[in-house]
Amino acid sequence: MALLLIKKEDEKEFVVCSTEDLNMDYHELRNLYSFREEHNGYMDYYLDIPKEELPTIYDQTKRTVGCTKRQLLKYREEQLKVLDSIMLRTDYDFIRIHIYEFDCGDND
């Protein structure tokens, strides 16, 4: 899963930045939101959102980690820094949440 920060100029879209550092549970995301399918040789999914919605979506779907309370606090702090850095940027118009579901095939 990746977050793509998209700048729109006229009818063209440009990816300003791509990050995988904000850890959200993509199963939960797909359960809560209507993703669009993208047929590009694989079956991938994407959802375009305004940046103002990202904190709410993150709160609903943030990935939990199995660790001590101290480690969990440090992890949450690191994730909030990533979220803040995305929110503070002004060089993009919206966010595309892109879920990559590559079919690796069976190894039988």
Protein backbone atom coordinates (compact mmCIF):
# COMPACT_ATOMS: atom_id res chain seq x y z
CA MET A 1 0.00 0.00 0.00
CA ALA A 2 1.22 3.49 -0.77
CA LEU A 3 0.04 7.05 -0.41
CA LEU A 4 0.56 9.09 -3.55
CA LEU A 5 0.49 12.86 -3.17
CA ILE A 6 -1.05 14.10 -6.41
CA LYS A 7 -0.77 17.55 -7.99
CA LYS A 8 -3.37 18.35 -10.63
CA GLU A 9 -2.56 20.84 -13.38
CA ASP A 10 -5.23 21.32 -16.01
CA GLU A 11 -6.30 17.75 -16.82
CA LYS A 12 -2.95 16.15 -15.95
CA GLU A 13 -1.96 14.49 -12.69
CA PHE A 14 1.57 14.37 -11.31
CA VAL A 15 2.81 12.28 -8.39
CA VAL A 16 4.65 14.73 -6.14
CA CYS A 17 5.62 12.11 -3.57
CA SER A 18 4.95 8.48 -2.75
CA THR A 19 5.23 7.10 0.74
CA GLU A 20 4.68 3.74 2.39
CA ASP A 21 5.67 5.03 5.83
CA LEU A 22 2.16 5.60 7.18
CA ASN A 23 1.11 2.13 8.29
CA MET A 24 -2.58 1.52 7.78
CA ASP A 25 -4.38 -1.81 7.65
CA TYR A 26 -5.38 -2.12 4.01
CA HIS A 27 -7.98 -4.83 4.73
CA GLU A 28 -9.72 -2.44 7.11
CA LEU A 29 -9.43 0.37 4.55
CA ARG A 30 -11.15 -1.72 1.89
CA ASN A 31 -13.88 -2.70 4.34
CA LEU A 32 -14.61 0.93 5.26
CA TYR A 33 -14.21 2.76 1.95
CA SER A 34 -15.28 2.24 -1.65
CA PHE A 35 -12.05 1.72 -3.53
CA ARG A 36 -11.96 1.71 -7.32
CA GLU A 37 -10.48 -1.21 -9.18
CA GLU A 38 -7.54 -0.65 -11.47
CA HIS A 39 -6.82 -3.25 -14.15
CA ASN A 40 -3.17 -2.81 -15.07
CA GLY A 41 -2.12 -6.39 -15.55
CA TYR A 42 -2.88 -6.93 -11.87
CA MET A 43 -5.91 -6.15 -9.75
CA ASP A 44 -5.03 -3.04 -7.76
CA TYR A 45 -7.29 -0.63 -5.90
CA TYR A 46 -7.22 3.09 -5.27
CA LEU A 47 -9.15 5.77 -3.41
CA ASP A 48 -8.73 9.51 -3.90
CA ILE A 49 -9.25 11.64 -0.80
CA PRO A 50 -8.78 15.28 0.17
CA LYS A 51 -5.86 15.70 2.54
CA GLU A 52 -8.21 16.92 5.29
CA GLU A 53 -9.67 13.40 5.52
CA LEU A 54 -6.36 11.59 5.99
CA PRO A 55 -6.12 11.95 9.81
CA THR A 56 -9.62 10.51 10.26
CA ILE A 57 -8.95 7.64 7.88
CA TYR A 58 -5.62 6.96 9.59
CA ASP A 59 -7.28 6.88 13.04
CA GLN A 60 -9.84 4.36 11.79
CA THR A 61 -7.35 2.04 10.12
CA LYS A 62 -3.96 2.48 11.79
CA ARG A 63 -2.07 -0.75 12.09
CA THR A 64 -1.43 -2.08 15.55
CA VAL A 65 1.85 -3.68 16.50
CA GLY A 66 2.54 -6.29 19.14
CA CYS A 67 5.04 -4.76 21.53
CA THR A 68 5.50 -3.20 24.95
CA LYS A 69 3.70 0.00 25.92
CA ARG A 70 6.92 1.99 25.60
CA GLN A 71 7.60 0.58 22.13
CA LEU A 72 3.99 1.23 21.12
CA LEU A 73 4.23 4.88 22.24
CA LYS A 74 7.44 5.32 20.26
CA TYR A 75 5.84 3.69 17.22
CA ARG A 76 2.75 5.92 17.48
CA GLU A 77 4.97 8.99 17.85
CA GLU A 78 6.90 8.07 14.69
CA GLN A 79 3.66 7.51 12.78
CA LEU A 80 2.29 10.90 13.88
CA LYS A 81 5.46 12.56 12.59
CA VAL A 82 4.90 10.94 9.19
CA LEU A 83 1.25 12.02 9.21
CA ASP A 84 2.20 15.59 10.18
CA SER A 85 4.82 15.80 7.44
CA ILE A 86 2.21 14.76 4.86
CA MET A 87 -0.37 17.22 6.19
CA LEU A 88 2.07 20.14 6.30
CA ARG A 89 3.04 19.85 2.64
CA THR A 90 1.36 22.32 0.31
CA ASP A 91 2.61 21.03 -3.05
CA TYR A 92 -0.21 18.58 -3.75
CA ASP A 93 -3.96 18.74 -4.32
CA PHE A 94 -5.18 15.37 -3.07
CA ILE A 95 -4.04 11.98 -1.82
CA ARG A 96 -4.46 8.68 -3.64
CA ILE A 97 -4.42 5.62 -1.40
CA HIS A 98 -3.17 2.86 -3.67
CA ILE A 99 -3.38 -0.78 -2.67
CA TYR A 100 -1.16 -3.04 -4.74
CA GLU A 101 -2.36 -6.64 -4.82
CA PHE A 102 0.17 -8.41 -6.99
CA ASP A 103 -0.65 -11.96 -8.01
CA CYS A 104 2.55 -13.92 -7.39
CA GLY A 105 0.96 -17.23 -8.40
CA ASP A 106 1.13 -20.55 -6.63
CA ASN A 107 4.41 -22.27 -5.93
CA ASP A 108 2.99 -25.80 -6.20
